[in-house]
Amino acid sequence: MQTADTKVLFTEKVQVHSSYLGREVEINFYLPVNIPDPSQLSLLLINDGQLLEEMHFPEMLAGMTAQGLLKPIVCVGIHAGADRKMEYGVAAQPDYMGRGARAGNYTSFVLTELIPFVKNKYCIPSFSEQAMAGFSLGGLMALDIVWNHPGVFSKAGVFSGSFWWRSLDQANEQYDDDQHRIMQQQIRKATYHSGFKFFLQCGNKDETHDRNNNGIIDSIDDTLAIINELVKKGYDREKDICYLEMPDGKHDAETWGKAMPAFLQWGWGVANR
């Protein structure tokens, strides 16, 4: 266990055993200090938490907290395991290559092992709200978990989400974006739940592929399709959804680190009380 204290932020790295995943999961905790009323705290779980140090997340969070820009948040960086492409995905359905087959196990870890662990370890009976975020495939997993558990979460943050995740290889002549992108289909077929908020980020240099030759790279196309499905489901494009498209944004930690302050301000800025 490693611990460190600053004036506004307490950080700690621990190992959490998961029976569902059959391994020890490395976790980074970032907690504001001197909070008189723990019920004011929000919880933010972040997939691919091993990237947070590279993004200078602790310094960023401490700086924004010290400036009084954020409501108090407990941030939890969940390190991905060696089986990342099997543990991340859409719990209800693996992709066409069988990837994401253990996403249900990961979901169970988050809901029944990790969240109770956080509450017990830091003596926080409940949070004012709970959210989840992630990067790339971790972003897809974050949205899948939030979307399917409206009584547990209220916000999702997705950075360069792997919304291309599909049930049929795009090389197959039968492939159709509207039929075979898994997360878009899941939203389309689901029930509307009030109270959800969504933050979606993409970069114009996320990739170079343009499978339908419309002049828009696939990552942006796929993200905009998610937004369209959310709007058709009943979510307000202005009030419920924040879309951040970065002109020079790439599929990397540096870009996501630059987008992170906007996400934190969107979700927990003091002006958003």
C-alpha atoms as a PDB file:
ATOM      1  CA  MET A   1       0.000   0.000   0.000  1.00  0.00           C
ATOM      2  CA  GLN A   2       1.229   3.477  -0.893  1.00  0.00           C
ATOM      3  CA  THR A   3      -0.220   6.626   0.586  1.00  0.00           C
ATOM      4  CA  ALA A   4       0.401  10.308   0.090  1.00  0.00           C
ATOM      5  CA  ASP A   5      -1.164  13.461   1.521  1.00  0.00           C
ATOM      6  CA  THR A   6      -1.466  16.920   0.022  1.00  0.00           C
ATOM      7  CA  LYS A   7      -3.326  19.956   1.330  1.00  0.00           C
ATOM      8  CA  VAL A   8      -6.535  19.133  -0.521  1.00  0.00           C
ATOM      9  CA  LEU A   9      -6.198  15.566  -1.752  1.00  0.00           C
ATOM     10  CA  PHE A  10      -5.468  12.198  -0.167  1.00  0.00           C
ATOM     11  CA  THR A  11      -4.265   9.489  -2.551  1.00  0.00           C
ATOM     12  CA  GLU A  12      -3.886   5.795  -1.951  1.00  0.00           C
ATOM     13  CA  LYS A  13      -3.123   2.717  -4.048  1.00  0.00           C
ATOM     14  CA  VAL A  14      -4.509  -0.648  -2.935  1.00  0.00           C
ATOM     15  CA  GLN A  15      -5.163  -4.149  -4.229  1.00  0.00           C
ATOM     16  CA  VAL A  16      -8.784  -5.290  -4.225  1.00  0.00           C
ATOM     17  CA  HIS A  17      -9.456  -8.994  -4.668  1.00  0.00           C
ATOM     18  CA  SER A  18     -12.250  -9.843  -7.080  1.00  0.00           C
ATOM     19  CA  SER A  19     -13.892 -13.248  -6.985  1.00  0.00           C
ATOM     20  CA  TYR A  20     -15.703 -12.420 -10.223  1.00  0.00           C
ATOM     21  CA  LEU A  21     -12.489 -11.649 -12.096  1.00  0.00           C
ATOM     22  CA  GLY A  22     -10.341 -14.141 -10.225  1.00  0.00           C
ATOM     23  CA  ARG A  23      -7.534 -11.671  -9.655  1.00  0.00           C
ATOM     24  CA  GLU A  24      -6.270  -8.776  -7.614  1.00  0.00           C
ATOM     25  CA  VAL A  25      -7.359  -5.452  -9.079  1.00  0.00           C
ATOM     26  CA  GLU A  26      -5.065  -2.476  -8.563  1.00  0.00           C
ATOM     27  CA  ILE A  27      -6.974   0.653  -7.586  1.00  0.00           C
ATOM     28  CA  ASN A  28      -5.948   4.293  -7.161  1.00  0.00           C
ATOM     29  CA  PHE A  29      -8.088   6.347  -4.790  1.00  0.00           C
ATOM     30  CA  TYR A  30      -8.229  10.145  -4.853  1.00  0.00           C
ATOM     31  CA  LEU A  31     -10.198  11.725  -2.006  1.00  0.00           C
ATOM     32  CA  PRO A  32     -10.734  15.363  -1.027  1.00  0.00           C
ATOM     33  CA  VAL A  33      -9.795  16.098   2.565  1.00  0.00           C
ATOM     34  CA  ASN A  34     -11.635  17.978   5.310  1.00  0.00           C
ATOM     35  CA  ILE A  35     -15.132  17.339   4.013  1.00  0.00           C
ATOM     36  CA  PRO A  36     -17.475  18.110   6.944  1.00  0.00           C
ATOM     37  CA  ASP A  37     -20.457  16.241   5.506  1.00  0.00           C
ATOM     38  CA  PRO A  38     -19.565  12.949   3.741  1.00  0.00           C
ATOM     39  CA  SER A  39     -23.055  12.806   2.236  1.00  0.00           C
ATOM     40  CA  GLN A  40     -21.956  15.649  -0.074  1.00  0.00           C
ATOM     41  CA  LEU A  41     -19.412  13.363  -1.753  1.00  0.00           C
ATOM     42  CA  SER A  42     -19.915  12.021  -5.255  1.00  0.00           C
ATOM     43  CA  LEU A  43     -18.265   8.845  -6.533  1.00  0.00           C
ATOM     44  CA  LEU A  44     -16.499   8.690  -9.899  1.00  0.00           C
ATOM     45  CA  LEU A  45     -15.185   5.307 -11.059  1.00  0.00           C
ATOM     46  CA  ILE A  46     -12.682   5.436 -13.941  1.00  0.00           C
ATOM     47  CA  ASN A  47     -11.798   2.470 -16.149  1.00  0.00           C
ATOM     48  CA  ASP A  48      -8.205   2.167 -17.402  1.00  0.00           C
ATOM     49  CA  GLY A  49      -7.136   3.931 -14.225  1.00  0.00           C
ATOM     50  CA  GLN A  50      -3.515   3.015 -14.961  1.00  0.00           C
ATOM     51  CA  LEU A  51      -3.508   5.952 -17.405  1.00  0.00           C
ATOM     52  CA  LEU A  52      -4.380   8.588 -14.813  1.00  0.00           C
ATOM     53  CA  GLU A  53      -0.826   9.160 -13.603  1.00  0.00           C
ATOM     54  CA  GLU A  54       0.281   9.682 -17.215  1.00  0.00           C
ATOM     55  CA  MET A  55      -2.461  12.306 -17.544  1.00  0.00           C
ATOM     56  CA  HIS A  56      -1.248  14.056 -14.367  1.00  0.00           C
ATOM     57  CA  PHE A  57      -4.713  13.465 -12.989  1.00  0.00           C
ATOM     58  CA  PRO A  58      -3.763  13.787  -9.283  1.00  0.00           C
ATOM     59  CA  GLU A  59      -2.221  17.228  -9.843  1.00  0.00           C
ATOM     60  CA  MET A  60      -5.148  18.256 -12.029  1.00  0.00           C
ATOM     61  CA  LEU A  61      -7.752  17.159  -9.498  1.00  0.00           C
ATOM     62  CA  ALA A  62      -5.853  18.720  -6.599  1.00  0.00           C
ATOM     63  CA  GLY A  63      -5.480  21.999  -8.475  1.00  0.00           C
ATOM     64  CA  MET A  64      -9.152  22.233  -9.419  1.00  0.00           C
ATOM     65  CA  THR A  65     -10.167  21.288  -5.872  1.00  0.00           C
ATOM     66  CA  ALA A  66      -7.830  23.855  -4.320  1.00  0.00           C
ATOM     67  CA  GLN A  67      -9.292  26.555  -6.558  1.00  0.00           C
ATOM     68  CA  GLY A  68     -12.797  25.670  -5.405  1.00  0.00           C
ATOM     69  CA  LEU A  69     -13.881  24.688  -8.905  1.00  0.00           C
ATOM     70  CA  LEU A  70     -15.351  21.305  -8.023  1.00  0.00           C
ATOM     71  CA  LYS A  71     -17.872  19.814  -5.683  1.00  0.00           C
ATOM     72  CA  PRO A  72     -16.248  17.060  -3.585  1.00  0.00           C
ATOM     73  CA  ILE A  73     -15.617  13.827  -5.532  1.00  0.00           C
ATOM     74  CA  VAL A  74     -14.069  10.526  -4.571  1.00  0.00           C
ATOM     75  CA  CYS A  75     -12.292   9.358  -7.729  1.00  0.00           C
ATOM     76  CA  VAL A  76     -11.399   5.700  -8.172  1.00  0.00           C
ATOM     77  CA  GLY A  77      -8.973   4.666 -10.906  1.00  0.00           C
ATOM     78  CA  ILE A  78      -9.475   0.978 -11.763  1.00  0.00           C
ATOM     79  CA  HIS A  79      -6.404  -0.514 -13.451  1.00  0.00           C
ATOM     80  CA  ALA A  80      -7.184  -2.782 -16.382  1.00  0.00           C
ATOM     81  CA  GLY A  81      -6.020  -6.372 -16.217  1.00  0.00           C
ATOM     82  CA  ALA A  82      -4.076  -8.413 -18.755  1.00  0.00           C
ATOM     83  CA  ASP A  83      -7.423  -9.713 -20.054  1.00  0.00           C
ATOM     84  CA  ARG A  84      -8.659  -6.199 -20.838  1.00  0.00           C
ATOM     85  CA  LYS A  85     -10.278  -7.011 -24.192  1.00  0.00           C
ATOM     86  CA  MET A  86     -12.311  -9.756 -22.545  1.00  0.00           C
ATOM     87  CA  GLU A  87     -13.259  -7.861 -19.361  1.00  0.00           C
ATOM     88  CA  TYR A  88     -14.269  -4.651 -21.166  1.00  0.00           C
ATOM     89  CA  GLY A  89     -17.109  -4.513 -23.654  1.00  0.00           C
ATOM     90  CA  VAL A  90     -20.901  -4.851 -23.500  1.00  0.00           C
ATOM     91  CA  ALA A  91     -22.028  -7.271 -20.814  1.00  0.00           C
ATOM     92  CA  ALA A  92     -25.055  -8.566 -22.689  1.00  0.00           C
ATOM     93  CA  GLN A  93     -23.190  -9.534 -25.850  1.00  0.00           C
ATOM     94  CA  PRO A  94     -19.577 -10.211 -26.907  1.00  0.00           C
ATOM     95  CA  ASP A  95     -18.431  -8.721 -30.193  1.00  0.00           C
ATOM     96  CA  TYR A  96     -18.117 -10.772 -33.388  1.00  0.00           C
ATOM     97  CA  MET A  97     -14.701 -12.071 -32.317  1.00  0.00           C
ATOM     98  CA  GLY A  98     -15.906 -13.079 -28.855  1.00  0.00           C
ATOM     99  CA  ARG A  99     -14.206 -10.144 -27.164  1.00  0.00           C
ATOM    100  CA  GLY A 100     -15.922  -8.772 -24.085  1.00  0.00           C
ATOM    101  CA  ALA A 101     -17.030 -12.233 -22.961  1.00  0.00           C
ATOM    102  CA  ARG A 102     -16.155 -11.392 -19.329  1.00  0.00           C
ATOM    103  CA  ALA A 103     -17.741  -7.917 -19.315  1.00  0.00           C
ATOM    104  CA  GLY A 104     -20.539  -9.309 -17.167  1.00  0.00           C
ATOM    105  CA  ASN A 105     -17.961 -10.422 -14.611  1.00  0.00           C
ATOM    106  CA  TYR A 106     -16.428  -6.968 -14.642  1.00  0.00           C
ATOM    107  CA  THR A 107     -19.843  -5.400 -14.133  1.00  0.00           C
ATOM    108  CA  SER A 108     -20.467  -7.656 -11.143  1.00  0.00           C
ATOM    109  CA  PHE A 109     -17.064  -6.723  -9.727  1.00  0.00           C
ATOM    110  CA  VAL A 110     -17.907  -3.023  -9.930  1.00  0.00           C
ATOM    111  CA  LEU A 111     -21.394  -3.325  -8.457  1.00  0.00           C
ATOM    112  CA  THR A 112     -21.017  -5.968  -5.783  1.00  0.00           C
ATOM    113  CA  GLU A 113     -17.340  -5.828  -4.821  1.00  0.00           C
ATOM    114  CA  LEU A 114     -15.774  -2.458  -5.625  1.00  0.00           C
ATOM    115  CA  ILE A 115     -18.518   0.000  -4.633  1.00  0.00           C
ATOM    116  CA  PRO A 116     -19.172  -1.726  -1.269  1.00  0.00           C
ATOM    117  CA  PHE A 117     -15.393  -1.829  -0.703  1.00  0.00           C
ATOM    118  CA  VAL A 118     -15.110   1.936  -1.245  1.00  0.00           C
ATOM    119  CA  LYS A 119     -18.018   2.700   1.088  1.00  0.00           C
ATOM    120  CA  ASN A 120     -16.685   0.413   3.797  1.00  0.00           C
ATOM    121  CA  LYS A 121     -13.048   1.473   3.551  1.00  0.00           C
ATOM    122  CA  TYR A 122     -13.754   5.192   3.810  1.00  0.00           C
ATOM    123  CA  CYS A 123     -16.864   4.955   6.026  1.00  0.00           C
ATOM    124  CA  ILE A 124     -19.163   6.585   3.484  1.00  0.00           C
ATOM    125  CA  PRO A 125     -22.662   5.054   3.815  1.00  0.00           C
ATOM    126  CA  SER A 126     -23.839   6.559   0.538  1.00  0.00           C
ATOM    127  CA  PHE A 127     -22.809   9.049  -2.133  1.00  0.00           C
ATOM    128  CA  SER A 128     -24.814  12.010  -3.387  1.00  0.00           C
ATOM    129  CA  GLU A 129     -24.407  10.498  -6.869  1.00  0.00           C
ATOM    130  CA  GLN A 130     -22.349   7.844  -8.626  1.00  0.00           C
ATOM    131  CA  ALA A 131     -20.762   8.066 -12.072  1.00  0.00           C
ATOM    132  CA  MET A 132     -18.431   6.081 -14.271  1.00  0.00           C
ATOM    133  CA  ALA A 133     -15.974   7.045 -17.002  1.00  0.00           C
ATOM    134  CA  GLY A 134     -13.377   5.423 -19.197  1.00  0.00           C
ATOM    135  CA  PHE A 135     -11.120   5.642 -22.219  1.00  0.00           C
ATOM    136  CA  SER A 136     -11.521   3.817 -25.529  1.00  0.00           C
ATOM    137  CA  LEU A 137     -12.798   0.308 -24.751  1.00  0.00           C
ATOM    138  CA  GLY A 138     -12.944   1.312 -21.083  1.00  0.00           C
ATOM    139  CA  GLY A 139     -15.303   4.093 -22.133  1.00  0.00           C
ATOM    140  CA  LEU A 140     -17.614   1.624 -23.861  1.00  0.00           C
ATOM    141  CA  MET A 141     -17.620  -0.477 -20.683  1.00  0.00           C
ATOM    142  CA  ALA A 142     -18.388   2.595 -18.557  1.00  0.00           C
ATOM    143  CA  LEU A 143     -21.396   3.546 -20.670  1.00  0.00           C
ATOM    144  CA  ASP A 144     -22.649  -0.040 -20.710  1.00  0.00           C
ATOM    145  CA  ILE A 145     -22.528  -0.279 -16.919  1.00  0.00           C
ATOM    146  CA  VAL A 146     -24.159   3.118 -16.358  1.00  0.00           C
ATOM    147  CA  TRP A 147     -26.842   2.563 -18.994  1.00  0.00           C
ATOM    148  CA  ASN A 148     -27.920  -0.750 -17.533  1.00  0.00           C
ATOM    149  CA  HIS A 149     -27.963   0.371 -13.894  1.00  0.00           C
ATOM    150  CA  PRO A 150     -29.969   3.600 -13.680  1.00  0.00           C
ATOM    151  CA  GLY A 151     -30.645   3.102  -9.989  1.00  0.00           C
ATOM    152  CA  VAL A 152     -26.928   3.075  -9.266  1.00  0.00           C
ATOM    153  CA  PHE A 153     -25.394   5.649 -11.624  1.00  0.00           C
ATOM    154  CA  SER A 154     -26.472   8.997 -13.018  1.00  0.00           C
ATOM    155  CA  LYS A 155     -23.542  10.084 -15.252  1.00  0.00           C
ATOM    156  CA  ALA A 156     -21.263   8.492 -17.833  1.00  0.00           C
ATOM    157  CA  GLY A 157     -18.051   9.932 -19.251  1.00  0.00           C
ATOM    158  CA  VAL A 158     -16.645   8.410 -22.429  1.00  0.00           C
ATOM    159  CA  PHE A 159     -13.341   9.464 -23.988  1.00  0.00           C
ATOM    160  CA  SER A 160     -12.733   8.134 -27.524  1.00  0.00           C
ATOM    161  CA  GLY A 161     -15.252   5.376 -26.889  1.00  0.00           C
ATOM    162  CA  SER A 162     -15.038   2.100 -28.817  1.00  0.00           C
ATOM    163  CA  PHE A 163     -18.514   2.528 -30.218  1.00  0.00           C
ATOM    164  CA  TRP A 164     -17.527   0.589 -33.341  1.00  0.00           C
ATOM    165  CA  TRP A 165     -18.002  -2.559 -31.170  1.00  0.00           C
ATOM    166  CA  ARG A 166     -20.036  -4.762 -33.485  1.00  0.00           C
ATOM    167  CA  SER A 167     -21.704  -8.140 -33.804  1.00  0.00           C
ATOM    168  CA  LEU A 168     -20.574  -8.725 -37.397  1.00  0.00           C
ATOM    169  CA  ASP A 169     -17.242  -8.086 -39.075  1.00  0.00           C
ATOM    170  CA  GLN A 170     -17.475  -4.960 -41.205  1.00  0.00           C
ATOM    171  CA  ALA A 171     -15.724  -6.907 -43.980  1.00  0.00           C
ATOM    172  CA  ASN A 172     -18.820  -9.115 -44.215  1.00  0.00           C
ATOM    173  CA  GLU A 173     -21.035  -8.014 -47.082  1.00  0.00           C
ATOM    174  CA  GLN A 174     -24.049  -8.259 -44.770  1.00  0.00           C
ATOM    175  CA  TYR A 175     -22.591  -5.736 -42.316  1.00  0.00           C
ATOM    176  CA  ASP A 176     -24.804  -2.712 -41.610  1.00  0.00           C
ATOM    177  CA  ASP A 177     -23.974   0.085 -39.150  1.00  0.00           C
ATOM    178  CA  ASP A 178     -27.606   0.389 -38.098  1.00  0.00           C
ATOM    179  CA  GLN A 179     -27.938  -3.320 -37.331  1.00  0.00           C
ATOM    180  CA  HIS A 180     -24.557  -4.449 -36.062  1.00  0.00           C
ATOM    181  CA  ARG A 181     -23.089  -1.766 -33.790  1.00  0.00           C
ATOM    182  CA  ILE A 182     -23.812  -3.269 -30.393  1.00  0.00           C
ATOM    183  CA  MET A 183     -24.056  -0.262 -28.051  1.00  0.00           C
ATOM    184  CA  GLN A 184     -26.185   1.733 -30.472  1.00  0.00           C
ATOM    185  CA  GLN A 185     -28.565  -1.219 -30.754  1.00  0.00           C
ATOM    186  CA  GLN A 186     -28.722  -1.608 -26.994  1.00  0.00           C
ATOM    187  CA  ILE A 187     -29.742   2.031 -26.507  1.00  0.00           C
ATOM    188  CA  ARG A 188     -32.281   1.800 -29.323  1.00  0.00           C
ATOM    189  CA  LYS A 189     -34.021  -1.230 -27.818  1.00  0.00           C
ATOM    190  CA  ALA A 190     -33.927  -0.080 -24.193  1.00  0.00           C
ATOM    191  CA  THR A 191     -36.292   1.919 -22.015  1.00  0.00           C
ATOM    192  CA  TYR A 192     -35.788   5.612 -21.310  1.00  0.00           C
ATOM    193  CA  HIS A 193     -34.647   6.382 -17.756  1.00  0.00           C
ATOM    194  CA  SER A 194     -34.808   9.953 -16.498  1.00  0.00           C
ATOM    195  CA  GLY A 195     -31.843  11.564 -14.782  1.00  0.00           C
ATOM    196  CA  PHE A 196     -29.021  10.257 -16.944  1.00  0.00           C
ATOM    197  CA  LYS A 197     -26.300  12.660 -18.154  1.00  0.00           C
ATOM    198  CA  PHE A 198     -23.686  11.805 -20.777  1.00  0.00           C
ATOM    199  CA  PHE A 199     -20.262  13.289 -21.599  1.00  0.00           C
ATOM    200  CA  LEU A 200     -18.777  12.086 -24.897  1.00  0.00           C
ATOM    201  CA  GLN A 201     -15.373  13.124 -26.235  1.00  0.00           C
ATOM    202  CA  CYS A 202     -13.731  12.452 -29.598  1.00  0.00           C
ATOM    203  CA  GLY A 203     -10.717  13.765 -31.462  1.00  0.00           C
ATOM    204  CA  ASN A 204     -10.412  14.508 -35.164  1.00  0.00           C
ATOM    205  CA  LYS A 205      -7.182  12.507 -35.156  1.00  0.00           C
ATOM    206  CA  ASP A 206      -8.561   9.588 -33.150  1.00  0.00           C
ATOM    207  CA  GLU A 207      -8.016   7.388 -36.186  1.00  0.00           C
ATOM    208  CA  THR A 208      -7.972   7.552 -39.999  1.00  0.00           C
ATOM    209  CA  HIS A 209     -10.565   4.910 -40.937  1.00  0.00           C
ATOM    210  CA  ASP A 210     -13.726   6.008 -42.769  1.00  0.00           C
ATOM    211  CA  ARG A 211     -15.615   2.809 -43.584  1.00  0.00           C
ATOM    212  CA  ASN A 212     -18.589   4.521 -45.235  1.00  0.00           C
ATOM    213  CA  ASN A 213     -16.464   7.096 -47.106  1.00  0.00           C
ATOM    214  CA  ASN A 214     -18.479  10.065 -45.866  1.00  0.00           C
ATOM    215  CA  GLY A 215     -15.451  12.156 -44.975  1.00  0.00           C
ATOM    216  CA  ILE A 216     -15.889  11.636 -41.216  1.00  0.00           C
ATOM    217  CA  ILE A 217     -13.615   9.249 -39.334  1.00  0.00           C
ATOM    218  CA  ASP A 218     -15.337   6.217 -37.842  1.00  0.00           C
ATOM    219  CA  SER A 219     -14.785   7.132 -34.185  1.00  0.00           C
ATOM    220  CA  ILE A 220     -16.671  10.401 -34.639  1.00  0.00           C
ATOM    221  CA  ASP A 221     -19.350   8.744 -36.775  1.00  0.00           C
ATOM    222  CA  ASP A 222     -19.891   6.054 -34.149  1.00  0.00           C
ATOM    223  CA  THR A 223     -20.017   8.572 -31.297  1.00  0.00           C
ATOM    224  CA  LEU A 224     -22.489  10.800 -33.133  1.00  0.00           C
ATOM    225  CA  ALA A 225     -24.615   7.703 -33.731  1.00  0.00           C
ATOM    226  CA  ILE A 226     -24.688   7.102 -29.964  1.00  0.00           C
ATOM    227  CA  ILE A 227     -25.811  10.700 -29.436  1.00  0.00           C
ATOM    228  CA  ASN A 228     -28.519  10.342 -32.075  1.00  0.00           C
ATOM    229  CA  GLU A 229     -29.825   7.195 -30.397  1.00  0.00           C
ATOM    230  CA  LEU A 230     -29.883   8.952 -27.020  1.00  0.00           C
ATOM    231  CA  VAL A 231     -31.796  11.894 -28.487  1.00  0.00           C
ATOM    232  CA  LYS A 232     -34.293   9.606 -30.183  1.00  0.00           C
ATOM    233  CA  LYS A 233     -34.709   7.807 -26.866  1.00  0.00           C
ATOM    234  CA  GLY A 234     -35.730  11.113 -25.268  1.00  0.00           C
ATOM    235  CA  TYR A 235     -32.562  12.695 -23.862  1.00  0.00           C
ATOM    236  CA  ASP A 236     -32.129  16.412 -24.434  1.00  0.00           C
ATOM    237  CA  ARG A 237     -29.165  17.193 -26.683  1.00  0.00           C
ATOM    238  CA  GLU A 238     -28.356  20.368 -24.749  1.00  0.00           C
ATOM    239  CA  LYS A 239     -29.261  19.489 -21.163  1.00  0.00           C
ATOM    240  CA  ASP A 240     -28.432  15.796 -20.950  1.00  0.00           C
ATOM    241  CA  ILE A 241     -25.547  15.369 -23.387  1.00  0.00           C
ATOM    242  CA  CYS A 242     -22.181  17.117 -23.651  1.00  0.00           C
ATOM    243  CA  TYR A 243     -20.160  16.363 -26.790  1.00  0.00           C
ATOM    244  CA  LEU A 244     -16.545  17.523 -26.932  1.00  0.00           C
ATOM    245  CA  GLU A 245     -14.839  17.181 -30.323  1.00  0.00           C
ATOM    246  CA  MET A 246     -11.167  18.139 -30.207  1.00  0.00           C
ATOM    247  CA  PRO A 247      -9.648  19.354 -33.515  1.00  0.00           C
ATOM    248  CA  ASP A 248      -6.202  17.895 -32.797  1.00  0.00           C
ATOM    249  CA  GLY A 249      -7.331  15.174 -30.421  1.00  0.00           C
ATOM    250  CA  LYS A 250      -5.692  11.769 -30.760  1.00  0.00           C
ATOM    251  CA  HIS A 251      -6.410   8.348 -29.317  1.00  0.00           C
ATOM    252  CA  ASP A 252      -4.016   8.773 -26.424  1.00  0.00           C
ATOM    253  CA  ALA A 253      -3.644   9.699 -22.773  1.00  0.00           C
ATOM    254  CA  GLU A 254      -2.347  13.162 -23.580  1.00  0.00           C
ATOM    255  CA  THR A 255      -5.567  14.075 -25.394  1.00  0.00           C
ATOM    256  CA  TRP A 256      -7.789  12.539 -22.723  1.00  0.00           C
ATOM    257  CA  GLY A 257      -5.843  14.400 -20.066  1.00  0.00           C
ATOM    258  CA  LYS A 258      -6.543  17.671 -21.873  1.00  0.00           C
ATOM    259  CA  ALA A 259     -10.251  16.804 -22.025  1.00  0.00           C
ATOM    260  CA  MET A 260     -10.486  15.713 -18.393  1.00  0.00           C
ATOM    261  CA  PRO A 261     -10.889  19.190 -16.814  1.00  0.00           C
ATOM    262  CA  ALA A 262     -13.859  19.876 -19.094  1.00  0.00           C
ATOM    263  CA  PHE A 263     -15.420  16.592 -18.011  1.00  0.00           C
ATOM    264  CA  LEU A 264     -14.889  17.287 -14.313  1.00  0.00           C
ATOM    265  CA  GLN A 265     -16.233  20.825 -14.680  1.00  0.00           C
ATOM    266  CA  TRP A 266     -19.247  19.537 -16.619  1.00  0.00           C
ATOM    267  CA  GLY A 267     -20.095  16.931 -14.033  1.00  0.00           C
ATOM    268  CA  TRP A 268     -19.059  18.499 -10.734  1.00  0.00           C
ATOM    269  CA  GLY A 269     -18.328  22.162 -11.320  1.00  0.00           C
ATOM    270  CA  VAL A 270     -19.469  24.411  -8.489  1.00  0.00           C
ATOM    271  CA  ALA A 271     -21.617  26.353 -10.945  1.00  0.00           C
ATOM    272  CA  ASN A 272     -23.571  23.134 -11.575  1.00  0.00           C
ATOM    273  CA  ARG A 273     -25.091  23.000  -8.086  1.00  0.00           C
END
